[in-house]
Amino acid sequence: MAKMPSQRDIFEVSGPTYLTSVNWNCPNNQRSVAASLVQGVYVLERDRQQNRYGPEARAPAWYQHFHFTPIQILVDDADSSIFGVVYQFIPPVPLPDSNPDHYSLNAPTYVIAFRGTIAKKQTLSRDLGLDLHILKNGLENTTRFKAGYEALNYLVYTYGHQRIWLAGHSLGSAIAILMAKTMAKLTVYIKSFLFNPPFLSAPIERISHAKVKSGIRIANSYVTAGVASVLKKHSKRSNDCFDMLALWVPQLYVNHADNICCEYIGYFEHRKKMEEIGAKGVGRMATKNTVRDLVMNVFGNESEPLHLFPSAVLNINWCNSPDFKTAHGIHQWWRQELNLNSRDYQYCNK
């Protein structure tokens, strides 16, 4: 008797088939496609690990459906794993006459997507090592960042940046953040889709008591601002770098129940709270710094906090998430029905 495919097997080969025609002007369609392309990277690596090639490969279901094709596979030399893909969009010919807006200038020509950690023996050690690099703000020294940035740099300076997207999940979103921030300092702003990016702080957002939560954040802001003021003359890093990022406005996707990324909710919302209580200056100083990085900077570490940036469209999934896998998974972001709330945070450096 043939082995019945598991629910996971069926899910991996299905793809979000409800999107029979993509409206590139629709943020929800853009989100679903970007998440699917990230999933394509995950499944490419799973195909490699399980020796699934040709007709048995499951990854094509996640990109061919949207008329994308991989033109470069990004491989980590340390463990030979696939961690990213450069996709090219090749729209069908002729284009559908019934919906000309679907193939508008909002469609990307290229998408660079990065996967997150895969908890399999072939990849777990290397992926966890890179997760530690995030904690140390050391991703810029890794081969994954260098390979990804080289690919992005080539596309930008060959074709321009207007039709390029970056997309990543978890560890992959951290790589995408660093790449986009590096480009933004050159006044090149890459459209970015960041799914469950790690926020390097205790998840205060998970505290249920609103006043306690607010009180902790206000106290943290005053402590951070105070430390920044004291150490400013010893710092080797300028806050001008933070202000330079203001025009980069990534699409940030977080789940309220995900301890890894949920603190982004409070990070952006707390700015308003500090203005309301007449402490805008303190709030702005705290927005740009962390105590840990301020201290590390004094001792010669000039890296910037990866998870801090000025502007974003924050998309919060408020759906019930019974466990960590559900709250942190990439699979939630191509669903048709989401209890999604979007908030636009534009930073003004005046």
Protein backbone atom coordinates (compact mmCIF):
# COMPACT_ATOMS: atom_id res chain seq x y z
CA MET A 1 0.00 0.00 0.00
CA ALA A 2 1.34 3.43 -0.94
CA LYS A 3 2.20 5.74 1.93
CA MET A 4 -0.44 8.39 2.48
CA PRO A 5 0.96 11.95 2.37
CA SER A 6 0.90 13.75 5.68
CA GLN A 7 -1.01 17.00 6.19
CA ARG A 8 2.35 18.82 6.10
CA ASP A 9 3.26 17.13 2.78
CA ILE A 10 -0.04 18.21 1.22
CA PHE A 11 0.40 21.72 2.56
CA GLU A 12 3.92 22.03 1.15
CA VAL A 13 2.87 21.32 -2.42
CA SER A 14 -0.40 23.24 -2.44
CA GLY A 15 0.59 26.90 -2.37
CA PRO A 16 -1.95 29.75 -1.97
CA THR A 17 -3.94 28.71 -5.02
CA TYR A 18 -6.83 31.05 -4.18
CA LEU A 19 -4.80 33.86 -5.79
CA THR A 20 -5.70 32.98 -9.36
CA SER A 21 -4.85 36.52 -10.46
CA VAL A 22 -2.60 38.85 -8.50
CA ASN A 23 -3.58 42.48 -8.15
CA TRP A 24 -0.23 44.14 -7.62
CA ASN A 25 -1.95 47.27 -6.32
CA CYS A 26 -3.41 45.30 -3.40
CA PRO A 27 -1.29 45.20 -0.20
CA ASN A 28 -2.85 41.88 0.82
CA ASN A 29 -1.92 40.30 -2.52
CA GLN A 30 1.60 41.68 -2.23
CA ARG A 31 1.89 40.23 1.28
CA SER A 32 0.68 36.79 0.16
CA VAL A 33 3.08 36.66 -2.77
CA ALA A 34 6.07 37.84 -0.72
CA ALA A 35 5.35 35.25 2.00
CA SER A 36 4.96 32.52 -0.61
CA LEU A 37 8.32 33.36 -2.17
CA VAL A 38 9.93 33.10 1.29
CA GLN A 39 8.22 29.74 1.73
CA GLY A 40 9.69 28.77 -1.62
CA VAL A 41 13.17 29.20 -0.09
CA TYR A 42 12.23 26.98 2.87
CA VAL A 43 10.91 24.26 0.58
CA LEU A 44 13.89 24.47 -1.78
CA GLU A 45 16.12 23.67 1.18
CA ARG A 46 13.79 20.86 2.30
CA ASP A 47 13.85 19.48 -1.25
CA ARG A 48 17.65 19.49 -1.10
CA GLN A 49 17.74 17.75 2.27
CA GLN A 50 15.32 15.05 1.13
CA ASN A 51 16.76 14.66 -2.38
CA ARG A 52 13.56 15.77 -4.09
CA TYR A 53 14.37 16.96 -7.59
CA GLY A 54 12.62 17.23 -10.94
CA PRO A 55 8.96 16.18 -10.79
CA GLU A 56 9.30 15.35 -7.09
CA ALA A 57 10.42 18.87 -6.12
CA ARG A 58 7.81 20.81 -4.15
CA ALA A 59 9.31 24.28 -4.15
CA PRO A 60 8.07 25.33 -7.64
CA ALA A 61 4.48 25.37 -6.38
CA TRP A 62 5.38 28.42 -4.31
CA TYR A 63 6.76 30.61 -7.09
CA GLN A 64 5.64 29.32 -10.49
CA HIS A 65 2.03 29.99 -9.60
CA PHE A 66 2.89 33.71 -9.51
CA HIS A 67 5.11 33.62 -12.62
CA PHE A 68 8.42 33.84 -10.78
CA THR A 69 11.51 31.84 -11.57
CA PRO A 70 14.71 31.48 -9.50
CA ILE A 71 17.68 33.06 -11.30
CA GLN A 72 20.15 32.71 -8.42
CA ILE A 73 20.20 30.28 -5.51
CA LEU A 74 22.05 31.60 -2.46
CA VAL A 75 23.95 28.81 -0.71
CA ASP A 76 25.75 28.98 2.62
CA ASP A 77 29.30 27.69 2.21
CA ALA A 78 29.40 26.57 5.85
CA ASP A 79 26.71 23.89 5.55
CA SER A 80 25.76 23.93 1.83
CA SER A 81 22.20 24.92 2.73
CA ILE A 82 19.98 27.11 0.59
CA PHE A 83 19.18 30.26 2.56
CA GLY A 84 17.98 32.66 -0.10
CA VAL A 85 16.74 32.98 -3.66
CA VAL A 86 16.79 35.74 -6.25
CA TYR A 87 13.52 35.48 -8.17
CA GLN A 88 12.66 37.13 -11.46
CA PHE A 89 9.06 37.97 -12.34
CA ILE A 90 8.18 36.90 -15.87
CA PRO A 91 4.53 37.85 -16.47
CA PRO A 92 2.40 35.81 -18.84
CA VAL A 93 2.16 36.95 -22.43
CA PRO A 94 -0.20 38.37 -23.44
CA LEU A 95 -1.16 40.16 -20.22
CA PRO A 96 -4.80 39.74 -19.13
CA ASP A 97 -6.87 42.45 -20.84
CA SER A 98 -9.68 42.18 -18.31
CA ASN A 99 -7.58 43.42 -15.41
CA PRO A 100 -4.83 45.67 -16.77
CA ASP A 101 -4.18 47.20 -13.34
CA HIS A 102 -3.12 43.82 -12.01
CA TYR A 103 0.10 44.14 -13.96
CA SER A 104 0.94 47.65 -12.91
CA LEU A 105 4.18 49.32 -11.99
CA ASN A 106 3.70 47.93 -8.48
CA ALA A 107 4.76 44.48 -9.65
CA PRO A 108 8.40 43.69 -8.87
CA THR A 109 10.88 42.58 -11.50
CA TYR A 110 13.12 40.91 -8.92
CA VAL A 111 12.50 39.60 -5.40
CA ILE A 112 15.30 38.47 -3.07
CA ALA A 113 13.85 36.22 -0.36
CA PHE A 114 15.45 34.68 2.73
CA ARG A 115 14.29 31.83 4.93
CA GLY A 116 14.56 31.62 8.69
CA THR A 117 15.86 28.86 10.96
CA ILE A 118 15.12 25.25 9.99
CA ALA A 119 15.16 22.89 12.96
CA LYS A 120 16.77 19.95 11.15
CA LYS A 121 20.16 18.46 11.90
CA GLN A 122 21.56 19.56 8.52
CA THR A 123 20.86 23.23 9.22
CA LEU A 124 20.13 23.72 12.91
CA SER A 125 23.69 24.29 14.15
CA ARG A 126 24.52 26.87 11.50
CA ASP A 127 21.15 28.64 11.76
CA LEU A 128 21.36 28.90 15.56
CA GLY A 129 24.87 30.28 15.22
CA LEU A 130 23.53 33.02 12.97
CA ASP A 131 20.72 33.69 15.44
CA LEU A 132 23.46 34.40 18.00
CA HIS A 133 25.04 36.82 15.53
CA ILE A 134 21.75 38.76 15.60
CA LEU A 135 22.05 39.09 19.37
CA LYS A 136 25.58 40.46 18.95
CA ASN A 137 24.64 42.75 16.02
CA GLY A 138 27.21 40.80 14.02
CA LEU A 139 25.28 39.72 10.92
CA GLU A 140 27.26 42.08 8.70
CA ASN A 141 30.30 39.83 9.15
CA THR A 142 28.52 36.64 8.04
CA THR A 143 28.74 35.00 4.65
CA ARG A 144 24.94 35.00 4.31
CA PHE A 145 24.72 38.77 4.60
CA LYS A 146 27.66 39.30 2.28
CA ALA A 147 26.25 36.96 -0.38
CA GLY A 148 22.77 38.49 -0.14
CA TYR A 149 24.06 42.05 -0.25
CA GLU A 150 26.27 41.26 -3.24
CA ALA A 151 23.24 39.96 -5.12
CA LEU A 152 21.16 43.00 -4.16
CA ASN A 153 23.96 45.42 -5.00
CA TYR A 154 24.32 43.90 -8.47
CA LEU A 155 20.60 44.20 -9.21
CA VAL A 156 20.36 47.76 -7.92
CA TYR A 157 23.27 49.06 -9.91
CA THR A 158 22.34 47.10 -13.03
CA TYR A 159 18.58 47.66 -13.16
CA GLY A 160 17.78 50.31 -10.53
CA HIS A 161 16.04 49.75 -7.21
CA GLN A 162 12.45 50.71 -8.03
CA ARG A 163 11.32 47.21 -9.09
CA ILE A 164 13.22 45.19 -6.47
CA TRP A 165 11.67 43.66 -3.34
CA LEU A 166 13.32 42.17 -0.29
CA ALA A 167 11.46 39.57 1.76
CA GLY A 168 12.46 37.49 4.75
CA HIS A 169 11.13 35.55 7.71
CA SER A 170 12.64 35.49 11.22
CA LEU A 171 16.42 35.08 10.76
CA GLY A 172 15.83 35.84 7.07
CA SER A 173 14.06 39.08 7.91
CA ALA A 174 17.04 40.12 10.04
CA ILE A 175 19.30 39.65 7.01
CA ALA A 176 16.84 41.63 4.86
CA ILE A 177 16.73 44.43 7.46
CA LEU A 178 20.50 44.78 7.49
CA MET A 179 20.65 44.78 3.68
CA ALA A 180 17.89 47.39 3.36
CA LYS A 181 19.37 49.60 6.08
CA THR A 182 22.77 49.48 4.37
CA MET A 183 21.15 50.56 1.09
CA ALA A 184 19.07 53.26 2.80
CA LYS A 185 22.24 54.93 4.06
CA LEU A 186 23.11 55.34 0.37
CA THR A 187 19.64 56.90 -0.19
CA VAL A 188 18.48 53.74 -1.97
CA TYR A 189 15.18 52.60 -0.48
CA ILE A 190 14.25 48.99 -1.16
CA LYS A 191 10.66 47.82 -0.74
CA SER A 192 10.85 45.30 2.09
CA PHE A 193 8.51 42.66 3.51
CA LEU A 194 9.67 41.61 6.97
CA PHE A 195 7.84 38.66 8.52
CA ASN A 196 8.28 38.00 12.28
CA PRO A 197 11.58 39.90 12.55
CA PRO A 198 13.38 39.44 15.89
CA PHE A 199 13.19 42.31 18.37
CA LEU A 200 16.11 42.09 20.79
CA SER A 201 14.32 42.95 24.00
CA ALA A 202 12.06 41.37 26.59
CA PRO A 203 8.53 41.03 25.15
CA ILE A 204 6.89 43.69 27.33
CA GLU A 205 3.99 43.68 24.89
CA ARG A 206 2.90 40.32 26.31
CA ILE A 207 2.13 41.86 29.72
CA SER A 208 -1.65 41.97 30.01
CA HIS A 209 -1.92 44.88 32.46
CA ALA A 210 -1.84 48.04 30.35
CA LYS A 211 -0.68 50.41 33.12
CA VAL A 212 2.14 48.11 34.19
CA LYS A 213 3.23 47.70 30.59
CA SER A 214 3.20 51.44 29.98
CA GLY A 215 5.04 52.13 33.23
CA ILE A 216 7.84 49.72 32.36
CA ARG A 217 8.26 51.28 28.92
CA ILE A 218 8.34 54.83 30.30
CA ALA A 219 10.92 53.84 32.92
CA ASN A 220 13.02 52.08 30.25
CA SER A 221 12.89 55.18 28.05
CA TYR A 222 14.17 57.44 30.81
CA VAL A 223 16.95 55.00 31.71
CA THR A 224 18.01 54.63 28.07
CA ALA A 225 17.91 58.38 27.45
CA GLY A 226 19.90 59.00 30.63
CA VAL A 227 22.58 56.49 29.72
CA ALA A 228 22.73 57.92 26.19
CA SER A 229 23.26 61.42 27.54
CA VAL A 230 26.05 60.32 29.87
CA LEU A 231 27.85 58.17 27.31
CA LYS A 232 27.30 60.40 24.28
CA LYS A 233 30.74 62.03 24.48
CA HIS A 234 32.37 58.60 24.61
CA SER A 235 30.31 57.10 21.79
CA LYS A 236 31.92 56.25 18.48
CA ARG A 237 28.56 56.01 16.70
CA SER A 238 26.41 58.91 15.54
CA ASN A 239 22.63 58.94 15.76
CA ASP A 240 22.68 60.56 12.31
CA CYS A 241 22.70 57.02 10.89
CA PHE A 242 19.28 56.40 12.45
CA ASP A 243 17.85 59.59 10.96
CA MET A 244 19.14 58.62 7.52
CA LEU A 245 16.81 55.61 7.57
CA ALA A 246 13.61 57.65 7.98
CA LEU A 247 12.59 57.43 4.31
CA TRP A 248 12.88 53.64 4.29
CA VAL A 249 9.40 52.39 5.25
CA PRO A 250 9.32 48.58 5.35
CA GLN A 251 6.20 46.46 5.58
CA LEU A 252 6.57 44.88 9.02
CA TYR A 253 4.45 41.80 9.85
CA VAL A 254 4.17 40.71 13.49
CA ASN A 255 1.91 38.42 15.47
CA HIS A 256 0.74 39.80 18.82
CA ALA A 257 1.40 36.40 20.46
CA ASP A 258 4.91 35.94 19.07
CA ASN A 259 7.47 36.73 21.79
CA ILE A 260 10.20 37.11 19.18
CA CYS A 261 8.64 40.02 17.31
CA CYS A 262 5.64 41.37 19.26
CA GLU A 263 7.66 44.10 21.00
CA TYR A 264 7.67 46.02 17.72
CA ILE A 265 4.06 46.90 18.58
CA GLY A 266 5.11 48.73 21.73
CA TYR A 267 8.29 50.11 20.15
CA PHE A 268 6.38 52.16 17.60
CA GLU A 269 3.29 52.93 19.67
CA HIS A 270 5.33 54.11 22.67
CA ARG A 271 6.61 57.11 20.74
CA LYS A 272 3.10 58.58 20.75
CA LYS A 273 2.77 57.91 24.47
CA MET A 274 5.99 59.79 25.23
CA GLU A 275 4.78 62.78 23.19
CA GLU A 276 1.45 62.75 25.02
CA ILE A 277 3.14 62.99 28.44
CA GLY A 278 5.43 65.78 27.26
CA ALA A 279 8.59 63.65 26.99
CA LYS A 280 9.10 63.66 23.23
CA GLY A 281 12.86 64.25 23.53
CA VAL A 282 13.30 61.35 25.91
CA GLY A 283 11.21 59.13 23.64
CA ARG A 284 13.24 60.04 20.58
CA MET A 285 16.52 59.29 22.36
CA ALA A 286 15.21 55.93 23.57
CA THR A 287 13.91 55.09 20.08
CA LYS A 288 17.42 55.30 18.67
CA ASN A 289 19.35 53.43 21.36
CA THR A 290 19.53 50.50 23.71
CA VAL A 291 21.51 50.52 26.95
CA ARG A 292 23.42 47.40 25.96
CA ASP A 293 24.55 48.83 22.63
CA LEU A 294 25.46 52.17 24.16
CA VAL A 295 27.77 50.43 26.63
CA MET A 296 29.22 48.13 23.96
CA ASN A 297 29.87 51.13 21.73
CA VAL A 298 31.97 52.81 24.41
CA PHE A 299 34.20 49.71 24.47
CA GLY A 300 34.78 49.77 20.74
CA ASN A 301 31.80 47.96 19.21
CA GLU A 302 30.49 50.48 16.67
CA SER A 303 27.63 48.34 15.36
CA GLU A 304 24.09 49.67 15.46
CA PRO A 305 21.08 47.89 17.02
CA LEU A 306 19.72 45.83 14.13
CA HIS A 307 16.12 45.88 15.31
CA LEU A 308 15.75 49.66 15.71
CA PHE A 309 14.61 51.74 12.73
CA PRO A 310 12.57 54.93 12.37
CA SER A 311 9.62 54.19 10.08
CA ALA A 312 7.41 51.25 9.16
CA VAL A 313 3.98 50.11 8.15
CA LEU A 314 3.27 47.83 11.09
CA ASN A 315 0.88 44.97 10.23
CA ILE A 316 -0.34 43.12 13.32
CA ASN A 317 -2.01 39.72 13.17
CA TRP A 318 -4.50 39.56 16.04
CA CYS A 319 -5.78 36.07 15.20
CA ASN A 320 -5.73 33.46 17.94
CA SER A 321 -2.42 31.63 18.01
CA PRO A 322 -2.50 28.54 20.25
CA ASP A 323 1.26 27.91 20.20
CA PHE A 324 4.61 29.40 19.24
CA LYS A 325 4.75 27.57 15.90
CA THR A 326 1.47 29.18 14.86
CA ALA A 327 2.41 32.65 16.10
CA HIS A 328 5.88 32.67 14.55
CA GLY A 329 5.25 30.68 11.38
CA ILE A 330 5.50 32.08 7.86
CA HIS A 331 2.35 30.19 6.88
CA GLN A 332 0.01 32.73 8.53
CA TRP A 333 0.97 35.52 6.12
CA TRP A 334 -0.55 34.13 2.92
CA ARG A 335 -3.89 33.31 4.48
CA GLN A 336 -6.97 34.84 2.90
CA GLU A 337 -8.61 35.83 6.15
CA LEU A 338 -6.51 37.57 8.76
CA ASN A 339 -7.50 39.75 11.67
CA LEU A 340 -4.92 42.23 10.40
CA ASN A 341 -4.49 45.76 11.68
CA SER A 342 -2.13 48.11 9.82
CA ARG A 343 -0.58 51.23 11.32
CA ASP A 344 1.65 53.67 9.46
CA TYR A 345 4.55 55.12 11.47
CA GLN A 346 6.49 57.85 9.70
CA TYR A 347 9.47 59.22 11.57
CA CYS A 348 10.26 62.92 11.47
CA ASN A 349 13.82 63.78 12.49
CA LYS A 350 12.95 67.30 13.61
